[in-house]
């Protein structure tokens, strides 16, 4: 299930597509949400997905990760990422703003061409697996503001692929 929303003030109408029926955030020109069910316990999925060192394994566009603060992951931790997105190299540093182990992780960056908030939410499924929700919200500046619809569509495709890769990793190997 995926959604992408564009700022109606910029686009003259509410342009929001959501299979989740999720709340639209009119303050964010880019608001993309993806969800997947993984046949592994929530603790396993959350532990693997919330470890920044694992990001290059399941995020196709992330090339490198560098801790700017000491481990372990905690509120206030800062992690630098280098990624390729829409043919461009992006370097940015996320700061963890919310961490509820096994339930929710929120990271935020105010730097770079697209200030972005990324959140992970994990919930148990009735079958004993995990429903993981990945959400990216941002307010691009400059040319990024004009290209927000293209950016949202590309993010939606990337998130879908990334969550499928995460599912593959976690379901195909009990020790990851």
N, C-alpha and C. Protein backbone atom coordinates (compact mmCIF):
# COMPACT_ATOMS: atom_id res chain seq x y z
N UNK A 1 0.84 -1.17 0.00
CA UNK A 1 0.00 0.00 0.00
C UNK A 1 0.89 1.23 0.00
N UNK A 2 0.56 2.18 -0.84
CA UNK A 2 1.42 3.33 -1.01
C UNK A 2 0.58 4.58 -1.12
N UNK A 3 1.18 5.72 -0.77
CA UNK A 3 0.49 6.97 -0.98
C UNK A 3 1.50 8.06 -1.28
N UNK A 4 1.08 9.06 -1.97
CA UNK A 4 1.90 10.24 -2.20
C UNK A 4 0.98 11.43 -2.21
N UNK A 5 1.39 12.50 -1.57
CA UNK A 5 0.56 13.69 -1.49
C UNK A 5 1.37 14.90 -1.91
N UNK A 6 0.71 15.81 -2.58
CA UNK A 6 1.32 17.05 -3.00
C UNK A 6 0.57 18.20 -2.35
N UNK A 7 1.25 19.29 -2.11
CA UNK A 7 0.68 20.45 -1.45
C UNK A 7 -0.39 21.08 -2.34
N UNK A 8 -1.64 21.11 -1.88
CA UNK A 8 -2.70 21.69 -2.71
C UNK A 8 -2.53 23.18 -2.93
N UNK A 9 -1.87 23.88 -2.03
CA UNK A 9 -1.65 25.32 -2.22
C UNK A 9 -0.80 25.57 -3.46
N UNK A 10 0.11 24.65 -3.74
CA UNK A 10 0.97 24.79 -4.91
C UNK A 10 0.32 24.23 -6.17
N UNK A 11 -0.54 23.26 -6.01
CA UNK A 11 -1.08 22.54 -7.16
C UNK A 11 -2.55 22.84 -7.42
N UNK A 12 -3.15 23.75 -6.62
CA UNK A 12 -4.49 24.22 -6.89
C UNK A 12 -5.60 23.26 -6.51
N UNK A 13 -5.29 22.11 -6.06
CA UNK A 13 -6.29 21.13 -5.63
C UNK A 13 -5.60 20.10 -4.77
N UNK A 14 -6.39 19.36 -4.05
CA UNK A 14 -5.78 18.31 -3.24
C UNK A 14 -5.38 17.16 -4.15
N UNK A 15 -4.08 16.90 -4.20
CA UNK A 15 -3.56 15.81 -5.02
C UNK A 15 -2.98 14.78 -4.08
N UNK A 16 -3.81 13.91 -3.60
CA UNK A 16 -3.36 12.93 -2.63
C UNK A 16 -3.94 11.57 -2.99
N UNK A 17 -3.06 10.59 -3.12
CA UNK A 17 -3.48 9.25 -3.43
C UNK A 17 -3.10 8.37 -2.28
N UNK A 18 -4.02 7.60 -1.74
CA UNK A 18 -3.68 6.78 -0.59
C UNK A 18 -4.54 5.55 -0.54
N UNK A 19 -3.88 4.40 -0.55
CA UNK A 19 -4.57 3.14 -0.34
C UNK A 19 -4.73 2.90 1.15
N UNK A 20 -4.09 3.70 1.98
CA UNK A 20 -4.15 3.52 3.42
C UNK A 20 -5.24 4.37 4.06
N UNK A 21 -5.79 5.33 3.31
CA UNK A 21 -6.75 6.24 3.90
C UNK A 21 -6.08 7.12 4.95
N UNK A 22 -4.80 7.37 4.81
CA UNK A 22 -4.01 8.08 5.79
C UNK A 22 -4.23 9.58 5.71
N UNK A 23 -3.96 10.25 6.80
CA UNK A 23 -4.13 11.70 6.83
C UNK A 23 -3.12 12.36 5.91
N UNK A 24 -3.59 13.30 5.15
CA UNK A 24 -2.76 14.09 4.25
C UNK A 24 -2.17 15.24 5.05
N UNK A 25 -0.92 15.54 4.84
CA UNK A 25 -0.27 16.67 5.52
C UNK A 25 -0.12 17.81 4.53
N UNK A 26 -1.00 18.80 4.57
CA UNK A 26 -0.95 19.89 3.59
C UNK A 26 0.29 20.76 3.73
N UNK A 27 1.03 20.62 4.83
CA UNK A 27 2.23 21.41 5.02
C UNK A 27 3.46 20.81 4.36
N UNK A 28 3.33 19.65 3.77
CA UNK A 28 4.47 18.97 3.17
C UNK A 28 4.21 18.71 1.69
N UNK A 29 4.99 19.34 0.80
CA UNK A 29 4.82 19.09 -0.63
C UNK A 29 5.10 17.65 -1.02
N UNK A 30 5.97 16.95 -0.28
CA UNK A 30 6.25 15.54 -0.54
C UNK A 30 5.86 14.75 0.70
N UNK A 31 4.95 13.81 0.55
CA UNK A 31 4.51 12.95 1.66
C UNK A 31 4.23 11.58 1.07
N UNK A 32 5.19 10.68 1.21
CA UNK A 32 5.12 9.36 0.59
C UNK A 32 5.14 8.30 1.67
N UNK A 33 4.25 7.34 1.55
CA UNK A 33 4.13 6.28 2.56
C UNK A 33 4.06 4.94 1.85
N UNK A 34 4.79 3.96 2.38
CA UNK A 34 4.76 2.60 1.85
C UNK A 34 4.65 1.63 3.02
N UNK A 35 4.03 0.50 2.76
CA UNK A 35 3.80 -0.49 3.80
C UNK A 35 4.00 -1.88 3.24
N UNK A 36 4.54 -2.78 4.08
CA UNK A 36 4.72 -4.16 3.66
C UNK A 36 4.56 -5.08 4.87
N UNK A 37 4.13 -6.29 4.62
CA UNK A 37 4.08 -7.31 5.67
C UNK A 37 5.25 -8.25 5.48
N UNK A 38 5.95 -8.50 6.59
CA UNK A 38 7.13 -9.36 6.59
C UNK A 38 6.88 -10.50 7.55
N UNK A 39 7.14 -11.71 7.10
CA UNK A 39 6.89 -12.90 7.90
C UNK A 39 8.04 -13.16 8.87
N UNK A 40 8.22 -12.21 9.77
CA UNK A 40 9.21 -12.31 10.84
C UNK A 40 8.67 -11.54 12.04
N UNK A 41 9.06 -11.92 13.24
CA UNK A 41 8.59 -11.20 14.43
C UNK A 41 8.98 -9.72 14.38
N UNK A 42 8.14 -8.90 14.97
CA UNK A 42 8.35 -7.46 14.97
C UNK A 42 9.72 -7.08 15.54
N UNK A 43 10.15 -7.72 16.60
CA UNK A 43 11.45 -7.38 17.20
C UNK A 43 12.58 -7.59 16.20
N UNK A 44 12.52 -8.66 15.41
CA UNK A 44 13.58 -8.93 14.42
C UNK A 44 13.59 -7.88 13.31
N UNK A 45 12.40 -7.55 12.81
CA UNK A 45 12.30 -6.58 11.72
C UNK A 45 12.77 -5.21 12.20
N UNK A 46 12.29 -4.79 13.36
CA UNK A 46 12.65 -3.48 13.89
C UNK A 46 14.15 -3.40 14.18
N UNK A 47 14.70 -4.45 14.75
CA UNK A 47 16.14 -4.43 15.07
C UNK A 47 16.98 -4.27 13.81
N UNK A 48 16.65 -5.02 12.76
CA UNK A 48 17.42 -4.96 11.52
C UNK A 48 17.21 -3.62 10.80
N UNK A 49 15.95 -3.22 10.63
CA UNK A 49 15.64 -2.02 9.85
C UNK A 49 16.11 -0.75 10.54
N UNK A 50 16.12 -0.72 11.85
CA UNK A 50 16.51 0.50 12.56
C UNK A 50 18.01 0.65 12.74
N UNK A 51 18.78 -0.35 12.33
CA UNK A 51 20.24 -0.27 12.42
C UNK A 51 20.77 0.44 11.17
N UNK A 52 21.25 1.67 11.29
CA UNK A 52 21.73 2.40 10.11
C UNK A 52 22.80 1.64 9.32
N UNK A 53 23.60 0.83 9.99
CA UNK A 53 24.64 0.08 9.28
C UNK A 53 24.06 -0.92 8.28
N UNK A 54 22.79 -1.32 8.47
CA UNK A 54 22.13 -2.23 7.53
C UNK A 54 21.50 -1.52 6.34
N UNK A 55 21.39 -0.20 6.39
CA UNK A 55 20.68 0.56 5.35
C UNK A 55 21.18 0.26 3.93
N UNK A 56 22.51 0.20 3.68
CA UNK A 56 22.94 -0.09 2.30
C UNK A 56 22.53 -1.48 1.80
N UNK A 57 22.22 -2.37 2.71
CA UNK A 57 21.79 -3.72 2.30
C UNK A 57 20.37 -3.73 1.76
N UNK A 58 19.51 -2.87 2.27
CA UNK A 58 18.12 -2.92 1.82
C UNK A 58 17.63 -1.65 1.14
N UNK A 59 18.34 -0.55 1.26
CA UNK A 59 18.01 0.67 0.51
C UNK A 59 18.88 0.69 -0.74
N UNK A 60 18.27 0.54 -1.89
CA UNK A 60 19.00 0.50 -3.15
C UNK A 60 19.84 1.74 -3.39
N UNK A 61 19.36 2.91 -3.01
CA UNK A 61 20.04 4.16 -3.33
C UNK A 61 21.10 4.58 -2.33
N UNK A 62 21.16 3.96 -1.16
CA UNK A 62 22.13 4.37 -0.15
C UNK A 62 23.47 3.69 -0.42
N UNK A 63 24.49 4.52 -0.58
CA UNK A 63 25.83 4.02 -0.88
C UNK A 63 26.68 3.86 0.37
N UNK A 64 26.53 4.76 1.34
CA UNK A 64 27.37 4.66 2.54
C UNK A 64 26.68 5.30 3.74
N UNK A 65 27.14 4.87 4.91
CA UNK A 65 26.63 5.33 6.20
C UNK A 65 27.81 5.64 7.09
N UNK A 66 27.75 6.77 7.79
CA UNK A 66 28.81 7.10 8.73
C UNK A 66 28.18 7.69 9.99
N UNK A 67 28.47 7.08 11.12
CA UNK A 67 27.98 7.58 12.40
C UNK A 67 28.70 8.87 12.74
N UNK A 68 27.96 9.91 13.08
CA UNK A 68 28.53 11.18 13.53
C UNK A 68 28.55 11.27 15.05
N UNK A 69 27.78 10.41 15.70
CA UNK A 69 27.77 10.28 17.15
C UNK A 69 28.07 8.82 17.47
N UNK A 70 28.27 8.53 18.72
CA UNK A 70 28.60 7.14 19.07
C UNK A 70 27.35 6.26 19.06
N UNK A 71 27.56 4.98 18.82
CA UNK A 71 26.50 3.99 18.90
C UNK A 71 26.16 3.78 20.38
N UNK A 72 25.01 3.24 20.71
CA UNK A 72 23.94 2.72 19.87
C UNK A 72 22.98 3.84 19.43
N UNK A 73 22.03 3.46 18.60
CA UNK A 73 21.01 4.38 18.13
C UNK A 73 20.21 4.88 19.33
N UNK A 74 20.03 6.19 19.40
CA UNK A 74 19.26 6.80 20.48
C UNK A 74 18.77 8.16 19.98
N UNK A 75 17.84 8.74 20.71
CA UNK A 75 17.37 10.07 20.36
C UNK A 75 18.58 11.01 20.42
N UNK A 76 18.74 11.81 19.37
CA UNK A 76 19.87 12.72 19.26
C UNK A 76 21.03 12.17 18.45
N UNK A 77 21.03 10.86 18.19
CA UNK A 77 22.09 10.27 17.37
C UNK A 77 22.06 10.90 15.98
N UNK A 78 23.25 11.09 15.40
CA UNK A 78 23.36 11.68 14.06
C UNK A 78 24.11 10.70 13.17
N UNK A 79 23.53 10.44 11.99
CA UNK A 79 24.09 9.49 11.04
C UNK A 79 24.12 10.14 9.67
N UNK A 80 25.30 10.13 9.03
CA UNK A 80 25.46 10.70 7.69
C UNK A 80 25.27 9.62 6.65
N UNK A 81 24.54 9.93 5.60
CA UNK A 81 24.29 9.02 4.50
C UNK A 81 24.74 9.66 3.19
N UNK A 82 25.22 8.83 2.28
CA UNK A 82 25.45 9.24 0.91
C UNK A 82 24.57 8.34 0.06
N UNK A 83 23.79 8.97 -0.82
CA UNK A 83 22.84 8.22 -1.65
C UNK A 83 22.86 8.77 -3.07
N UNK A 84 22.30 8.00 -3.98
CA UNK A 84 22.04 8.44 -5.35
C UNK A 84 20.54 8.41 -5.54
N UNK A 85 19.98 9.54 -5.99
CA UNK A 85 18.54 9.62 -6.20
C UNK A 85 18.29 10.52 -7.39
N UNK A 86 17.51 10.04 -8.32
CA UNK A 86 17.19 10.75 -9.56
C UNK A 86 18.47 11.21 -10.27
N UNK A 87 19.47 10.33 -10.24
CA UNK A 87 20.72 10.60 -10.95
C UNK A 87 21.67 11.55 -10.24
N UNK A 88 21.33 11.95 -9.04
CA UNK A 88 22.18 12.90 -8.31
C UNK A 88 22.74 12.27 -7.05
N UNK A 89 23.94 12.69 -6.70
CA UNK A 89 24.55 12.26 -5.44
C UNK A 89 24.03 13.17 -4.34
N UNK A 90 23.53 12.58 -3.28
CA UNK A 90 23.01 13.35 -2.15
C UNK A 90 23.77 12.96 -0.89
N UNK A 91 24.25 13.93 -0.16
CA UNK A 91 24.88 13.69 1.14
C UNK A 91 24.05 14.44 2.17
N UNK A 92 23.65 13.74 3.21
CA UNK A 92 22.80 14.35 4.23
C UNK A 92 23.02 13.65 5.55
N UNK A 93 22.66 14.33 6.64
CA UNK A 93 22.79 13.77 7.98
C UNK A 93 21.43 13.78 8.64
N UNK A 94 21.02 12.60 9.06
CA UNK A 94 19.77 12.46 9.82
C UNK A 94 20.07 12.56 11.30
N UNK A 95 19.13 13.13 12.04
CA UNK A 95 19.17 13.09 13.50
C UNK A 95 17.94 12.34 13.97
N UNK A 96 18.15 11.39 14.88
CA UNK A 96 17.03 10.62 15.43
C UNK A 96 16.26 11.53 16.38
N UNK A 97 14.96 11.70 16.10
CA UNK A 97 14.11 12.55 16.93
C UNK A 97 13.15 11.76 17.81
N UNK A 98 12.82 10.54 17.37
CA UNK A 98 11.94 9.66 18.14
C UNK A 98 12.45 8.24 18.01
N UNK A 99 12.53 7.54 19.13
CA UNK A 99 12.90 6.13 19.10
C UNK A 99 12.13 5.40 20.18
N UNK A 100 11.21 4.55 19.75
CA UNK A 100 10.50 3.64 20.64
C UNK A 100 10.87 2.25 20.12
N UNK A 101 11.86 1.60 20.76
CA UNK A 101 12.36 0.32 20.23
C UNK A 101 11.24 -0.67 19.91
N UNK A 102 11.32 -1.21 18.71
CA UNK A 102 10.33 -2.19 18.27
C UNK A 102 9.02 -1.61 17.80
N UNK A 103 8.84 -0.28 17.90
CA UNK A 103 7.57 0.33 17.51
C UNK A 103 7.72 1.47 16.51
N UNK A 104 8.66 2.40 16.77
CA UNK A 104 8.72 3.61 15.94
C UNK A 104 10.12 4.22 15.96
N UNK A 105 10.56 4.68 14.79
CA UNK A 105 11.80 5.42 14.63
C UNK A 105 11.51 6.59 13.70
N UNK A 106 11.92 7.80 14.12
CA UNK A 106 11.77 8.99 13.29
C UNK A 106 13.12 9.68 13.22
N UNK A 107 13.55 9.98 11.98
CA UNK A 107 14.80 10.68 11.74
C UNK A 107 14.49 11.91 10.90
N UNK A 108 15.25 12.97 11.14
CA UNK A 108 14.98 14.22 10.45
C UNK A 108 16.29 14.86 10.01
N UNK A 109 16.27 15.47 8.83
CA UNK A 109 17.40 16.25 8.38
C UNK A 109 16.90 17.59 7.88
N UNK A 110 17.60 18.62 8.25
CA UNK A 110 17.23 19.95 7.78
C UNK A 110 18.20 20.45 6.73
N UNK A 111 19.17 19.61 6.36
CA UNK A 111 20.18 20.06 5.41
C UNK A 111 19.98 19.40 4.07
N UNK A 112 20.67 19.91 3.08
CA UNK A 112 20.58 19.35 1.74
C UNK A 112 19.45 19.98 0.97
N UNK A 113 19.29 19.57 -0.29
CA UNK A 113 18.27 20.17 -1.15
C UNK A 113 16.85 19.81 -0.75
N UNK A 114 16.68 18.72 0.00
CA UNK A 114 15.34 18.29 0.39
C UNK A 114 15.35 17.96 1.88
N UNK A 115 15.04 18.93 2.75
CA UNK A 115 14.89 18.59 4.16
C UNK A 115 13.83 17.49 4.29
N UNK A 116 14.15 16.41 4.98
CA UNK A 116 13.31 15.23 4.95
C UNK A 116 13.14 14.65 6.35
N UNK A 117 11.95 14.14 6.61
CA UNK A 117 11.69 13.34 7.79
C UNK A 117 11.36 11.94 7.31
N UNK A 118 12.05 10.95 7.87
CA UNK A 118 11.79 9.55 7.54
C UNK A 118 11.35 8.85 8.81
N UNK A 119 10.25 8.11 8.72
CA UNK A 119 9.78 7.37 9.88
C UNK A 119 9.54 5.91 9.51
N UNK A 120 9.80 5.06 10.48
CA UNK A 120 9.51 3.63 10.40
C UNK A 120 8.56 3.32 11.54
N UNK A 121 7.50 2.58 11.22
CA UNK A 121 6.58 2.09 12.24
C UNK A 121 6.43 0.59 12.05
N UNK A 122 6.42 -0.14 13.17
CA UNK A 122 6.28 -1.59 13.12
C UNK A 122 5.10 -2.01 13.98
N UNK A 123 4.29 -2.93 13.45
CA UNK A 123 3.14 -3.45 14.18
C UNK A 123 3.03 -4.95 13.90
N UNK A 124 2.50 -5.68 14.89
CA UNK A 124 2.29 -7.12 14.72
C UNK A 124 1.14 -7.36 13.74
N UNK A 125 1.27 -8.42 12.95
CA UNK A 125 0.17 -8.86 12.10
C UNK A 125 -0.54 -10.01 12.81
N UNK A 126 -1.78 -10.31 12.44
CA UNK A 126 -2.49 -11.42 13.08
C UNK A 126 -1.77 -12.76 12.92
N UNK A 127 -1.01 -12.91 11.83
CA UNK A 127 -0.31 -14.18 11.58
C UNK A 127 1.02 -14.29 12.32
N UNK A 128 1.39 -13.26 13.09
CA UNK A 128 2.63 -13.32 13.84
C UNK A 128 3.81 -12.65 13.16
N UNK A 129 3.56 -12.03 12.02
CA UNK A 129 4.61 -11.30 11.32
C UNK A 129 4.59 -9.84 11.71
N UNK A 130 5.13 -9.02 10.82
CA UNK A 130 5.26 -7.58 11.09
C UNK A 130 4.75 -6.77 9.91
N UNK A 131 4.00 -5.73 10.20
CA UNK A 131 3.65 -4.74 9.20
C UNK A 131 4.59 -3.56 9.43
N UNK A 132 5.41 -3.27 8.42
CA UNK A 132 6.32 -2.13 8.51
C UNK A 132 5.82 -1.03 7.59
N UNK A 133 5.77 0.18 8.14
CA UNK A 133 5.38 1.35 7.37
C UNK A 133 6.59 2.29 7.30
N UNK A 134 6.91 2.71 6.10
CA UNK A 134 8.00 3.63 5.82
C UNK A 134 7.38 4.90 5.25
N UNK A 135 7.69 6.04 5.86
CA UNK A 135 7.11 7.30 5.40
C UNK A 135 8.21 8.34 5.24
N UNK A 136 8.20 9.04 4.14
CA UNK A 136 9.11 10.14 3.88
C UNK A 136 8.28 11.40 3.65
N UNK A 137 8.61 12.44 4.41
CA UNK A 137 7.92 13.72 4.26
C UNK A 137 8.99 14.79 4.13
N UNK A 138 8.80 15.68 3.17
CA UNK A 138 9.79 16.72 3.00
C UNK A 138 9.25 17.96 2.33
N UNK A 139 10.05 19.00 2.43
CA UNK A 139 9.70 20.29 1.86
C UNK A 139 10.88 20.76 1.01
N UNK A 140 10.94 20.33 -0.25
CA UNK A 140 12.06 20.70 -1.09
C UNK A 140 12.13 22.21 -1.31
N UNK A 141 13.34 22.67 -1.58
CA UNK A 141 13.52 24.09 -1.89
C UNK A 141 14.02 24.23 -3.32
N UNK A 142 13.97 25.45 -3.83
CA UNK A 142 14.48 25.73 -5.17
C UNK A 142 13.79 24.87 -6.22
N UNK A 143 14.62 24.29 -7.12
CA UNK A 143 14.08 23.46 -8.19
C UNK A 143 13.33 22.25 -7.63
N UNK A 144 13.75 21.77 -6.46
CA UNK A 144 13.08 20.62 -5.84
C UNK A 144 11.62 20.88 -5.58
N UNK A 145 11.26 22.12 -5.28
CA UNK A 145 9.85 22.45 -5.03
C UNK A 145 9.03 22.28 -6.31
N UNK A 146 9.59 22.68 -7.44
CA UNK A 146 8.91 22.54 -8.72
C UNK A 146 8.78 21.07 -9.11
N UNK A 147 9.80 20.29 -8.76
CA UNK A 147 9.82 18.88 -9.16
C UNK A 147 9.23 17.96 -8.10
N UNK A 148 8.54 18.50 -7.11
CA UNK A 148 7.97 17.67 -6.04
C UNK A 148 7.12 16.51 -6.55
N UNK A 149 6.27 16.68 -7.57
CA UNK A 149 5.48 15.54 -8.05
C UNK A 149 6.35 14.41 -8.61
N UNK A 150 7.41 14.77 -9.33
CA UNK A 150 8.32 13.76 -9.87
C UNK A 150 9.08 13.09 -8.73
N UNK A 151 9.51 13.90 -7.78
CA UNK A 151 10.24 13.37 -6.63
C UNK A 151 9.37 12.40 -5.83
N UNK A 152 8.13 12.75 -5.60
CA UNK A 152 7.22 11.88 -4.84
C UNK A 152 7.01 10.55 -5.56
N UNK A 153 6.83 10.60 -6.87
CA UNK A 153 6.64 9.35 -7.64
C UNK A 153 7.89 8.48 -7.58
N UNK A 154 9.05 9.09 -7.72
CA UNK A 154 10.31 8.33 -7.66
C UNK A 154 10.52 7.75 -6.26
N UNK A 155 10.19 8.52 -5.24
CA UNK A 155 10.32 8.02 -3.87
C UNK A 155 9.39 6.86 -3.62
N UNK A 156 8.18 6.95 -4.14
CA UNK A 156 7.20 5.87 -3.96
C UNK A 156 7.73 4.58 -4.58
N UNK A 157 8.29 4.67 -5.79
CA UNK A 157 8.86 3.47 -6.45
C UNK A 157 10.05 2.94 -5.66
N UNK A 158 10.92 3.85 -5.22
CA UNK A 158 12.11 3.42 -4.47
C UNK A 158 11.71 2.77 -3.14
N UNK A 159 10.77 3.36 -2.43
CA UNK A 159 10.34 2.79 -1.15
C UNK A 159 9.74 1.40 -1.33
N UNK A 160 8.97 1.23 -2.38
CA UNK A 160 8.37 -0.08 -2.66
C UNK A 160 9.46 -1.12 -2.88
N UNK A 161 10.47 -0.77 -3.68
CA UNK A 161 11.59 -1.68 -3.95
C UNK A 161 12.40 -1.95 -2.69
N UNK A 162 12.64 -0.90 -1.90
CA UNK A 162 13.43 -1.06 -0.69
C UNK A 162 12.75 -1.96 0.32
N UNK A 163 11.45 -1.78 0.51
CA UNK A 163 10.74 -2.65 1.45
C UNK A 163 10.68 -4.08 0.94
N UNK A 164 10.57 -4.27 -0.37
CA UNK A 164 10.60 -5.63 -0.93
C UNK A 164 11.96 -6.28 -0.68
N UNK A 165 13.03 -5.51 -0.81
CA UNK A 165 14.37 -6.03 -0.53
C UNK A 165 14.52 -6.37 0.96
N UNK A 166 14.02 -5.52 1.82
CA UNK A 166 14.05 -5.80 3.26
C UNK A 166 13.31 -7.10 3.57
N UNK A 167 12.15 -7.26 2.99
CA UNK A 167 11.35 -8.48 3.17
C UNK A 167 12.15 -9.70 2.71
N UNK A 168 12.75 -9.59 1.54
CA UNK A 168 13.54 -10.71 1.00
C UNK A 168 14.68 -11.09 1.94
N UNK A 169 15.42 -10.09 2.40
CA UNK A 169 16.55 -10.35 3.31
C UNK A 169 16.07 -11.05 4.57
N UNK A 170 15.04 -10.52 5.19
CA UNK A 170 14.60 -11.03 6.48
C UNK A 170 13.88 -12.37 6.38
N UNK A 171 13.15 -12.60 5.30
CA UNK A 171 12.44 -13.87 5.17
C UNK A 171 13.29 -14.99 4.61
N UNK A 172 14.37 -14.66 3.93
CA UNK A 172 15.17 -15.72 3.29
C UNK A 172 16.32 -16.22 4.16
N UNK A 173 16.62 -15.53 5.23
CA UNK A 173 17.73 -15.93 6.08
C UNK A 173 17.40 -15.68 7.53
N UNK A 174 17.31 -16.74 8.32
CA UNK A 174 16.96 -16.54 9.73
C UNK A 174 17.98 -15.73 10.51
N UNK A 175 19.23 -15.72 10.05
CA UNK A 175 20.25 -14.95 10.75
C UNK A 175 20.60 -13.66 10.01
N UNK A 176 19.92 -13.36 8.93
CA UNK A 176 20.08 -12.16 8.11
C UNK A 176 21.46 -12.14 7.52
